[in-house]
N, C-alpha and C. Protein backbone atom coordinates (compact mmCIF):
# COMPACT_ATOMS: atom_id res chain seq x y z
N MET A 1 154.51 102.71 74.42
CA MET A 1 154.67 103.48 73.21
C MET A 1 155.31 102.56 72.17
N VAL A 2 154.80 102.65 70.93
CA VAL A 2 155.34 101.87 69.82
C VAL A 2 155.87 102.86 68.79
N ASP A 3 157.17 102.77 68.55
CA ASP A 3 157.79 103.70 67.59
C ASP A 3 157.55 103.29 66.14
N ASP A 4 157.36 101.98 65.87
CA ASP A 4 157.12 101.53 64.50
C ASP A 4 156.14 100.36 64.54
N ALA A 5 154.84 100.66 64.25
CA ALA A 5 153.81 99.63 64.30
C ALA A 5 154.07 98.53 63.28
N GLY A 6 154.75 98.85 62.20
CA GLY A 6 155.05 97.84 61.18
C GLY A 6 156.01 96.78 61.67
N SER A 7 156.80 97.08 62.71
CA SER A 7 157.77 96.10 63.21
C SER A 7 157.16 95.16 64.25
N LEU A 8 155.89 95.37 64.59
CA LEU A 8 155.25 94.48 65.56
C LEU A 8 155.00 93.12 64.94
N ASP A 9 155.19 92.09 65.74
CA ASP A 9 155.03 90.72 65.26
C ASP A 9 153.64 90.21 65.65
N ASN A 10 152.61 90.65 64.88
CA ASN A 10 151.25 90.15 65.10
C ASN A 10 150.49 90.24 63.78
N ASP A 11 149.24 89.75 63.78
CA ASP A 11 148.44 89.71 62.55
C ASP A 11 147.49 90.90 62.42
N VAL A 12 147.69 91.95 63.19
CA VAL A 12 146.80 93.11 63.16
C VAL A 12 147.18 94.00 62.00
N GLU A 13 146.17 94.46 61.25
CA GLU A 13 146.39 95.40 60.15
C GLU A 13 146.27 96.81 60.71
N TYR A 14 147.36 97.55 60.71
CA TYR A 14 147.38 98.88 61.29
C TYR A 14 147.12 99.97 60.26
N GLY A 15 146.93 99.62 59.02
CA GLY A 15 146.70 100.63 57.99
C GLY A 15 147.88 101.56 57.90
N ALA A 16 147.61 102.86 57.89
CA ALA A 16 148.69 103.85 57.77
C ALA A 16 149.35 104.18 59.10
N LEU A 17 148.87 103.61 60.20
CA LEU A 17 149.43 103.90 61.51
C LEU A 17 150.85 103.34 61.61
N ARG A 18 151.76 104.21 62.02
CA ARG A 18 153.16 103.77 62.14
C ARG A 18 153.68 103.93 63.56
N THR A 19 153.24 104.96 64.29
CA THR A 19 153.70 105.19 65.65
C THR A 19 152.47 105.41 66.53
N ALA A 20 152.49 104.82 67.71
CA ALA A 20 151.33 104.96 68.62
C ALA A 20 151.80 105.02 70.06
N THR A 21 151.01 105.69 70.86
CA THR A 21 151.24 105.71 72.30
C THR A 21 149.88 105.64 72.99
N ALA A 22 149.85 105.04 74.14
CA ALA A 22 148.61 104.90 74.91
C ALA A 22 148.84 105.42 76.32
N VAL A 23 147.89 106.19 76.82
CA VAL A 23 147.98 106.76 78.16
C VAL A 23 146.69 106.40 78.90
N PRO A 24 146.81 105.87 80.12
CA PRO A 24 145.61 105.50 80.88
C PRO A 24 144.81 106.74 81.31
N ILE A 25 143.48 106.56 81.35
CA ILE A 25 142.60 107.61 81.88
C ILE A 25 141.84 107.04 83.09
N GLY A 26 142.61 106.74 84.12
CA GLY A 26 142.04 106.20 85.35
C GLY A 26 141.40 104.85 85.10
N GLU A 27 140.25 104.66 85.72
CA GLU A 27 139.52 103.40 85.59
C GLU A 27 138.74 103.30 84.30
N TRP A 28 138.79 104.33 83.47
CA TRP A 28 137.96 104.43 82.28
C TRP A 28 138.59 103.83 81.03
N GLY A 29 139.84 103.47 81.08
CA GLY A 29 140.48 102.89 79.90
C GLY A 29 141.75 103.64 79.53
N VAL A 30 141.99 103.75 78.22
CA VAL A 30 143.20 104.43 77.74
C VAL A 30 142.86 105.33 76.57
N VAL A 31 143.73 106.32 76.38
CA VAL A 31 143.67 107.16 75.19
C VAL A 31 144.83 106.71 74.31
N VAL A 32 144.54 106.38 73.06
CA VAL A 32 145.58 105.96 72.13
C VAL A 32 145.72 107.02 71.06
N ILE A 33 146.94 107.48 70.86
CA ILE A 33 147.24 108.49 69.85
C ILE A 33 148.22 107.87 68.86
N GLY A 34 147.98 108.10 67.59
CA GLY A 34 148.87 107.52 66.59
C GLY A 34 149.33 108.53 65.56
N LYS A 35 150.42 108.16 64.86
CA LYS A 35 150.96 108.99 63.76
C LYS A 35 151.12 108.09 62.54
N THR A 36 151.13 108.72 61.42
CA THR A 36 151.34 107.97 60.18
C THR A 36 152.82 107.92 59.80
N GLU A 37 153.67 108.64 60.52
CA GLU A 37 155.11 108.59 60.27
C GLU A 37 155.79 107.74 61.35
N VAL A 38 156.90 107.14 60.98
CA VAL A 38 157.68 106.38 61.95
C VAL A 38 158.61 107.36 62.64
N GLU A 39 158.17 107.84 63.80
CA GLU A 39 159.00 108.73 64.61
C GLU A 39 158.43 108.72 66.02
N ALA A 40 159.29 108.88 66.98
CA ALA A 40 158.87 108.89 68.38
C ALA A 40 158.16 110.20 68.71
N PHE A 41 157.27 110.14 69.70
CA PHE A 41 156.63 111.35 70.20
C PHE A 41 157.65 112.10 71.05
N ASP A 42 157.75 113.38 70.88
CA ASP A 42 158.72 114.13 71.70
C ASP A 42 158.18 114.25 73.13
N PRO A 43 159.04 114.49 74.11
CA PRO A 43 158.63 114.54 75.51
C PRO A 43 157.52 115.55 75.79
N PHE A 44 157.53 116.71 75.11
CA PHE A 44 156.50 117.71 75.32
C PHE A 44 155.12 117.16 74.94
N ASN A 45 155.04 116.52 73.76
CA ASN A 45 153.76 115.96 73.31
C ASN A 45 153.30 114.80 74.20
N LEU A 46 154.24 113.98 74.66
CA LEU A 46 153.88 112.89 75.58
C LEU A 46 153.30 113.46 76.88
N ARG A 47 153.95 114.49 77.41
CA ARG A 47 153.46 115.12 78.64
C ARG A 47 152.08 115.75 78.41
N LEU A 48 151.90 116.38 77.26
CA LEU A 48 150.62 116.99 76.91
C LEU A 48 149.51 115.93 76.87
N ILE A 49 149.82 114.78 76.28
CA ILE A 49 148.85 113.68 76.20
C ILE A 49 148.53 113.17 77.62
N GLU A 50 149.54 113.06 78.47
CA GLU A 50 149.31 112.63 79.86
C GLU A 50 148.41 113.61 80.61
N VAL A 51 148.68 114.91 80.45
CA VAL A 51 147.88 115.93 81.12
C VAL A 51 146.43 115.89 80.62
N LEU A 52 146.27 115.82 79.31
CA LEU A 52 144.91 115.77 78.74
C LEU A 52 144.17 114.51 79.21
N SER A 53 144.87 113.40 79.30
CA SER A 53 144.26 112.16 79.78
C SER A 53 143.88 112.28 81.25
N GLY A 54 144.73 112.97 82.01
CA GLY A 54 144.41 113.20 83.42
C GLY A 54 143.14 114.03 83.56
N TYR A 55 143.01 115.09 82.75
CA TYR A 55 141.80 115.90 82.77
C TYR A 55 140.58 115.10 82.32
N ALA A 56 140.77 114.26 81.33
CA ALA A 56 139.66 113.41 80.88
C ALA A 56 139.19 112.50 82.01
N ALA A 57 140.14 111.93 82.77
CA ALA A 57 139.79 111.07 83.90
C ALA A 57 139.02 111.87 84.96
N LEU A 58 139.47 113.11 85.23
CA LEU A 58 138.77 113.95 86.20
C LEU A 58 137.33 114.23 85.76
N VAL A 59 137.16 114.58 84.49
CA VAL A 59 135.83 114.88 83.97
C VAL A 59 134.94 113.64 84.03
N LEU A 60 135.46 112.50 83.62
CA LEU A 60 134.66 111.27 83.65
C LEU A 60 134.29 110.89 85.08
N ASN A 61 135.22 111.06 86.03
CA ASN A 61 134.91 110.77 87.43
C ASN A 61 133.83 111.72 87.94
N ARG A 62 133.94 113.01 87.58
CA ARG A 62 132.93 113.97 88.02
C ARG A 62 131.56 113.64 87.44
N LEU A 63 131.52 113.28 86.15
CA LEU A 63 130.24 112.91 85.53
C LEU A 63 129.63 111.70 86.23
N ASP A 64 130.49 110.76 86.61
CA ASP A 64 130.02 109.57 87.32
C ASP A 64 129.45 109.94 88.69
N ARG A 65 130.14 110.81 89.42
CA ARG A 65 129.65 111.26 90.73
C ARG A 65 128.33 112.02 90.58
N GLU A 66 128.25 112.88 89.55
CA GLU A 66 127.01 113.63 89.32
C GLU A 66 125.85 112.69 89.03
N ALA A 67 126.11 111.66 88.24
CA ALA A 67 125.05 110.68 87.94
C ALA A 67 124.61 109.96 89.21
N THR A 68 125.57 109.62 90.07
CA THR A 68 125.25 108.97 91.34
C THR A 68 124.42 109.89 92.22
N LEU A 69 124.82 111.17 92.29
CA LEU A 69 124.06 112.14 93.08
C LEU A 69 122.66 112.35 92.52
N ARG A 70 122.54 112.39 91.20
CA ARG A 70 121.23 112.57 90.57
C ARG A 70 120.32 111.39 90.91
N GLU A 71 120.87 110.18 90.86
CA GLU A 71 120.08 108.99 91.21
C GLU A 71 119.65 109.04 92.67
N ALA A 72 120.57 109.44 93.56
CA ALA A 72 120.24 109.54 94.99
C ALA A 72 119.16 110.59 95.21
N LYS A 73 119.24 111.70 94.50
CA LYS A 73 118.24 112.76 94.63
C LYS A 73 116.87 112.26 94.18
N GLU A 74 116.85 111.54 93.06
CA GLU A 74 115.58 111.01 92.56
C GLU A 74 114.99 109.99 93.54
N GLU A 75 115.85 109.16 94.14
CA GLU A 75 115.36 108.19 95.13
C GLU A 75 114.79 108.91 96.35
N ALA A 76 115.48 109.98 96.80
CA ALA A 76 115.00 110.74 97.95
C ALA A 76 113.68 111.43 97.64
N GLU A 77 113.55 111.97 96.44
CA GLU A 77 112.28 112.61 96.05
C GLU A 77 111.15 111.59 96.00
N GLU A 78 111.44 110.41 95.48
CA GLU A 78 110.43 109.35 95.43
C GLU A 78 110.03 108.93 96.84
N ALA A 79 111.02 108.80 97.73
CA ALA A 79 110.71 108.45 99.12
C ALA A 79 109.85 109.53 99.77
N SER A 80 110.14 110.78 99.47
CA SER A 80 109.35 111.88 100.02
C SER A 80 107.92 111.84 99.49
N ARG A 81 107.76 111.55 98.19
CA ARG A 81 106.41 111.44 97.63
C ARG A 81 105.65 110.28 98.27
N MET A 82 106.34 109.17 98.48
CA MET A 82 105.70 108.01 99.10
C MET A 82 105.30 108.31 100.54
N LYS A 83 106.17 109.03 101.26
CA LYS A 83 105.85 109.40 102.65
C LYS A 83 104.64 110.32 102.68
N SER A 84 104.60 111.28 101.78
CA SER A 84 103.46 112.20 101.73
C SER A 84 102.17 111.45 101.43
N ALA A 85 102.23 110.51 100.49
CA ALA A 85 101.05 109.71 100.16
C ALA A 85 100.62 108.87 101.36
N LEU A 86 101.59 108.29 102.06
CA LEU A 86 101.27 107.49 103.24
C LEU A 86 100.60 108.35 104.30
N LEU A 87 101.15 109.55 104.54
CA LEU A 87 100.55 110.44 105.54
C LEU A 87 99.14 110.85 105.15
N ALA A 88 98.95 111.15 103.87
CA ALA A 88 97.62 111.55 103.41
C ALA A 88 96.63 110.39 103.57
N ASN A 89 97.04 109.19 103.18
CA ASN A 89 96.16 108.02 103.31
C ASN A 89 95.89 107.70 104.78
N MET A 90 96.95 107.75 105.59
CA MET A 90 96.81 107.45 107.00
C MET A 90 95.86 108.46 107.65
N SER A 91 96.05 109.73 107.31
CA SER A 91 95.19 110.77 107.86
C SER A 91 93.74 110.51 107.49
N HIS A 92 93.50 110.16 106.24
CA HIS A 92 92.13 109.87 105.79
C HIS A 92 91.56 108.66 106.52
N GLU A 93 92.37 107.61 106.63
CA GLU A 93 91.89 106.38 107.26
C GLU A 93 91.61 106.57 108.74
N ILE A 94 92.29 107.50 109.38
CA ILE A 94 92.03 107.76 110.80
C ILE A 94 90.85 108.72 110.96
N ARG A 95 90.79 109.74 110.11
CA ARG A 95 89.73 110.75 110.25
C ARG A 95 88.34 110.18 110.01
N THR A 96 88.21 109.22 109.11
CA THR A 96 86.89 108.67 108.81
C THR A 96 86.24 108.04 110.03
N PRO A 97 86.88 107.08 110.72
CA PRO A 97 86.22 106.54 111.93
C PRO A 97 86.19 107.56 113.08
N LEU A 98 87.17 108.46 113.12
CA LEU A 98 87.19 109.46 114.18
C LEU A 98 85.97 110.37 114.09
N THR A 99 85.58 110.71 112.89
CA THR A 99 84.39 111.53 112.69
C THR A 99 83.16 110.81 113.23
N SER A 100 83.08 109.52 113.00
CA SER A 100 81.95 108.73 113.53
C SER A 100 81.96 108.72 115.05
N ILE A 101 83.13 108.57 115.65
CA ILE A 101 83.23 108.54 117.11
C ILE A 101 82.81 109.88 117.69
N ILE A 102 83.31 110.97 117.08
CA ILE A 102 82.94 112.31 117.56
C ILE A 102 81.43 112.52 117.43
N GLY A 103 80.88 112.12 116.29
CA GLY A 103 79.44 112.25 116.08
C GLY A 103 78.64 111.45 117.08
N PHE A 104 79.09 110.22 117.38
CA PHE A 104 78.40 109.38 118.36
C PHE A 104 78.48 110.01 119.74
N ALA A 105 79.66 110.56 120.09
CA ALA A 105 79.82 111.21 121.41
C ALA A 105 78.90 112.43 121.51
N GLU A 106 78.73 113.17 120.42
CA GLU A 106 77.81 114.32 120.42
C GLU A 106 76.37 113.85 120.67
N VAL A 107 75.98 112.79 119.99
CA VAL A 107 74.63 112.25 120.16
C VAL A 107 74.43 111.79 121.60
N VAL A 108 75.41 111.06 122.13
CA VAL A 108 75.30 110.59 123.52
C VAL A 108 75.21 111.78 124.46
N GLY A 109 76.03 112.81 124.25
CA GLY A 109 75.99 114.00 125.09
C GLY A 109 74.65 114.69 125.01
N THR A 110 74.09 114.81 123.82
CA THR A 110 72.77 115.44 123.65
C THR A 110 71.68 114.61 124.32
N GLU A 111 71.74 113.30 124.15
CA GLU A 111 70.72 112.42 124.73
C GLU A 111 70.81 112.39 126.25
N THR A 112 72.02 112.47 126.80
CA THR A 112 72.14 112.43 128.26
C THR A 112 71.52 113.65 128.91
N SER A 113 71.49 114.77 128.17
CA SER A 113 70.88 115.97 128.74
C SER A 113 69.36 115.83 128.85
N THR A 114 68.77 114.93 128.08
CA THR A 114 67.31 114.74 128.13
C THR A 114 66.91 113.58 129.05
N LEU A 115 67.90 112.81 129.50
CA LEU A 115 67.59 111.66 130.37
C LEU A 115 67.54 112.09 131.84
N ASP A 116 66.81 111.34 132.59
CA ASP A 116 66.76 111.58 134.04
C ASP A 116 67.82 110.68 134.67
N LEU A 117 69.06 111.18 134.70
CA LEU A 117 70.18 110.40 135.23
C LEU A 117 70.36 110.67 136.71
N PRO A 118 70.88 109.68 137.43
CA PRO A 118 71.14 109.91 138.85
C PRO A 118 72.18 111.03 139.02
N THR A 119 72.14 111.72 140.11
CA THR A 119 73.09 112.79 140.39
C THR A 119 74.51 112.21 140.42
N GLY A 120 75.42 112.91 139.77
CA GLY A 120 76.82 112.46 139.73
C GLY A 120 77.09 111.39 138.69
N SER A 121 76.17 111.16 137.78
CA SER A 121 76.37 110.15 136.73
C SER A 121 77.56 110.58 135.85
N PRO A 122 78.46 109.66 135.57
CA PRO A 122 79.63 110.01 134.76
C PRO A 122 79.35 110.07 133.25
N LEU A 123 78.17 109.65 132.85
CA LEU A 123 77.87 109.56 131.41
C LEU A 123 78.02 110.89 130.67
N PRO A 124 77.44 112.01 131.12
CA PRO A 124 77.61 113.26 130.38
C PRO A 124 79.09 113.70 130.29
N ASP A 125 79.82 113.52 131.39
CA ASP A 125 81.24 113.91 131.40
C ASP A 125 82.06 113.04 130.45
N CYS A 126 81.79 111.75 130.45
CA CYS A 126 82.52 110.83 129.54
C CYS A 126 82.23 111.18 128.08
N ALA A 127 80.98 111.44 127.77
CA ALA A 127 80.62 111.79 126.38
C ALA A 127 81.33 113.08 125.97
N ASP A 128 81.38 114.05 126.89
CA ASP A 128 82.04 115.32 126.60
C ASP A 128 83.54 115.11 126.39
N ARG A 129 84.16 114.28 127.22
CA ARG A 129 85.61 114.00 127.08
C ARG A 129 85.91 113.29 125.75
N ILE A 130 85.09 112.35 125.38
CA ILE A 130 85.29 111.64 124.10
C ILE A 130 85.19 112.63 122.95
N GLU A 131 84.15 113.46 123.00
CA GLU A 131 83.95 114.45 121.93
C GLU A 131 85.12 115.43 121.87
N GLN A 132 85.53 115.96 123.02
CA GLN A 132 86.61 116.95 123.06
C GLN A 132 87.95 116.33 122.65
N GLY A 133 88.23 115.13 123.16
CA GLY A 133 89.48 114.45 122.79
C GLY A 133 89.53 114.13 121.30
N GLY A 134 88.42 113.67 120.77
CA GLY A 134 88.36 113.36 119.33
C GLY A 134 88.54 114.61 118.50
N SER A 135 87.91 115.70 118.91
CA SER A 135 88.04 116.97 118.17
C SER A 135 89.48 117.48 118.22
N ASP A 136 90.11 117.42 119.41
CA ASP A 136 91.51 117.84 119.53
C ASP A 136 92.41 117.00 118.63
N PHE A 137 92.20 115.68 118.65
CA PHE A 137 93.02 114.79 117.82
C PHE A 137 92.80 115.08 116.34
N SER A 138 91.57 115.33 115.96
CA SER A 138 91.25 115.64 114.57
C SER A 138 91.97 116.90 114.11
N ILE A 139 91.99 117.92 114.96
CA ILE A 139 92.69 119.17 114.63
C ILE A 139 94.18 118.91 114.47
N ARG A 140 94.77 118.15 115.38
CA ARG A 140 96.21 117.83 115.28
C ARG A 140 96.51 117.01 114.02
N LEU A 141 95.64 116.08 113.74
CA LEU A 141 95.83 115.24 112.56
C LEU A 141 95.77 116.08 111.29
N ARG A 142 94.83 117.00 111.22
CA ARG A 142 94.72 117.89 110.06
C ARG A 142 95.98 118.74 109.91
N GLY A 143 96.54 119.18 111.04
CA GLY A 143 97.75 120.00 111.01
C GLY A 143 98.98 119.24 110.58
N CYS A 144 98.93 117.93 110.68
CA CYS A 144 100.10 117.11 110.31
C CYS A 144 99.94 116.48 108.94
N SER A 145 99.10 117.03 108.12
CA SER A 145 98.86 116.42 106.81
C SER A 145 100.01 116.66 105.84
N THR A 146 100.88 117.61 106.12
CA THR A 146 102.06 117.81 105.28
C THR A 146 103.28 117.28 106.01
N SER A 147 104.26 116.84 105.28
CA SER A 147 105.45 116.27 105.91
C SER A 147 106.20 117.31 106.72
N ARG A 148 106.17 118.58 106.31
CA ARG A 148 106.85 119.63 107.05
C ARG A 148 106.20 119.77 108.43
N SER A 149 104.88 119.78 108.45
CA SER A 149 104.17 119.87 109.72
C SER A 149 104.43 118.63 110.56
N TRP A 150 104.49 117.50 109.91
CA TRP A 150 104.70 116.23 110.61
C TRP A 150 106.03 116.24 111.35
N ARG A 151 107.09 116.75 110.70
CA ARG A 151 108.40 116.80 111.34
C ARG A 151 108.41 117.77 112.52
N ARG A 152 107.66 118.86 112.43
CA ARG A 152 107.65 119.87 113.48
C ARG A 152 106.69 119.53 114.60
N ALA A 153 105.79 118.60 114.38
CA ALA A 153 104.72 118.33 115.34
C ALA A 153 105.28 117.92 116.69
N ARG A 154 104.71 118.47 117.73
CA ARG A 154 105.04 118.10 119.10
C ARG A 154 103.77 117.52 119.69
N TRP A 155 103.80 116.25 119.95
CA TRP A 155 102.62 115.58 120.46
C TRP A 155 102.72 115.47 121.97
N SER A 156 101.67 115.81 122.63
CA SER A 156 101.60 115.60 124.08
C SER A 156 100.23 115.01 124.39
N LEU A 157 100.26 113.94 125.11
CA LEU A 157 99.02 113.27 125.47
C LEU A 157 98.82 113.40 126.97
N THR A 158 97.62 113.75 127.36
CA THR A 158 97.28 113.85 128.76
C THR A 158 96.19 112.83 129.04
N PRO A 159 96.55 111.81 129.77
CA PRO A 159 95.52 110.79 130.05
C PRO A 159 94.50 111.32 131.06
N ASN A 160 93.26 111.11 130.76
CA ASN A 160 92.16 111.48 131.66
C ASN A 160 91.32 110.24 131.90
N ARG A 161 91.06 109.97 133.15
CA ARG A 161 90.20 108.82 133.46
C ARG A 161 88.75 109.24 133.35
N CYS A 162 88.00 108.37 132.80
CA CYS A 162 86.55 108.58 132.75
C CYS A 162 85.97 107.85 133.97
N PRO A 163 85.36 108.56 134.89
CA PRO A 163 84.89 107.92 136.14
C PRO A 163 83.89 106.81 135.90
């Protein structure tokens, strides 16, 4: 606190300012209050300035935390959008060749019914398993196209040997 700015020994021009006090506001700096008369601030006014500066520090800290939370929320939303795009692209990239495999298995299954195969030939059964497994996987993949479904998905694989 400076009771008489005119008595300070420096080259600063204070204009009409004669008395000043500064109160810190946390990490944000200081609040400087001045008077045009040469007189000390009474204890009540000094305490009032301290309390107001304390509230200013609280508000500034809260605004800073809110900005940090807002940035974190935006980053999380962006990550969620990216995950959804990845799942959609991945689903598309898997379904395209899967459709071809299912179609080929259907053709093989249809053709095997017209062939004169030896008794017990595994070809019709293998074609049916490929078609059924591909169809099951396609259904599961379609169900997992949203991130909510993806998190809830319970995958179980049952290995079947093709004789």
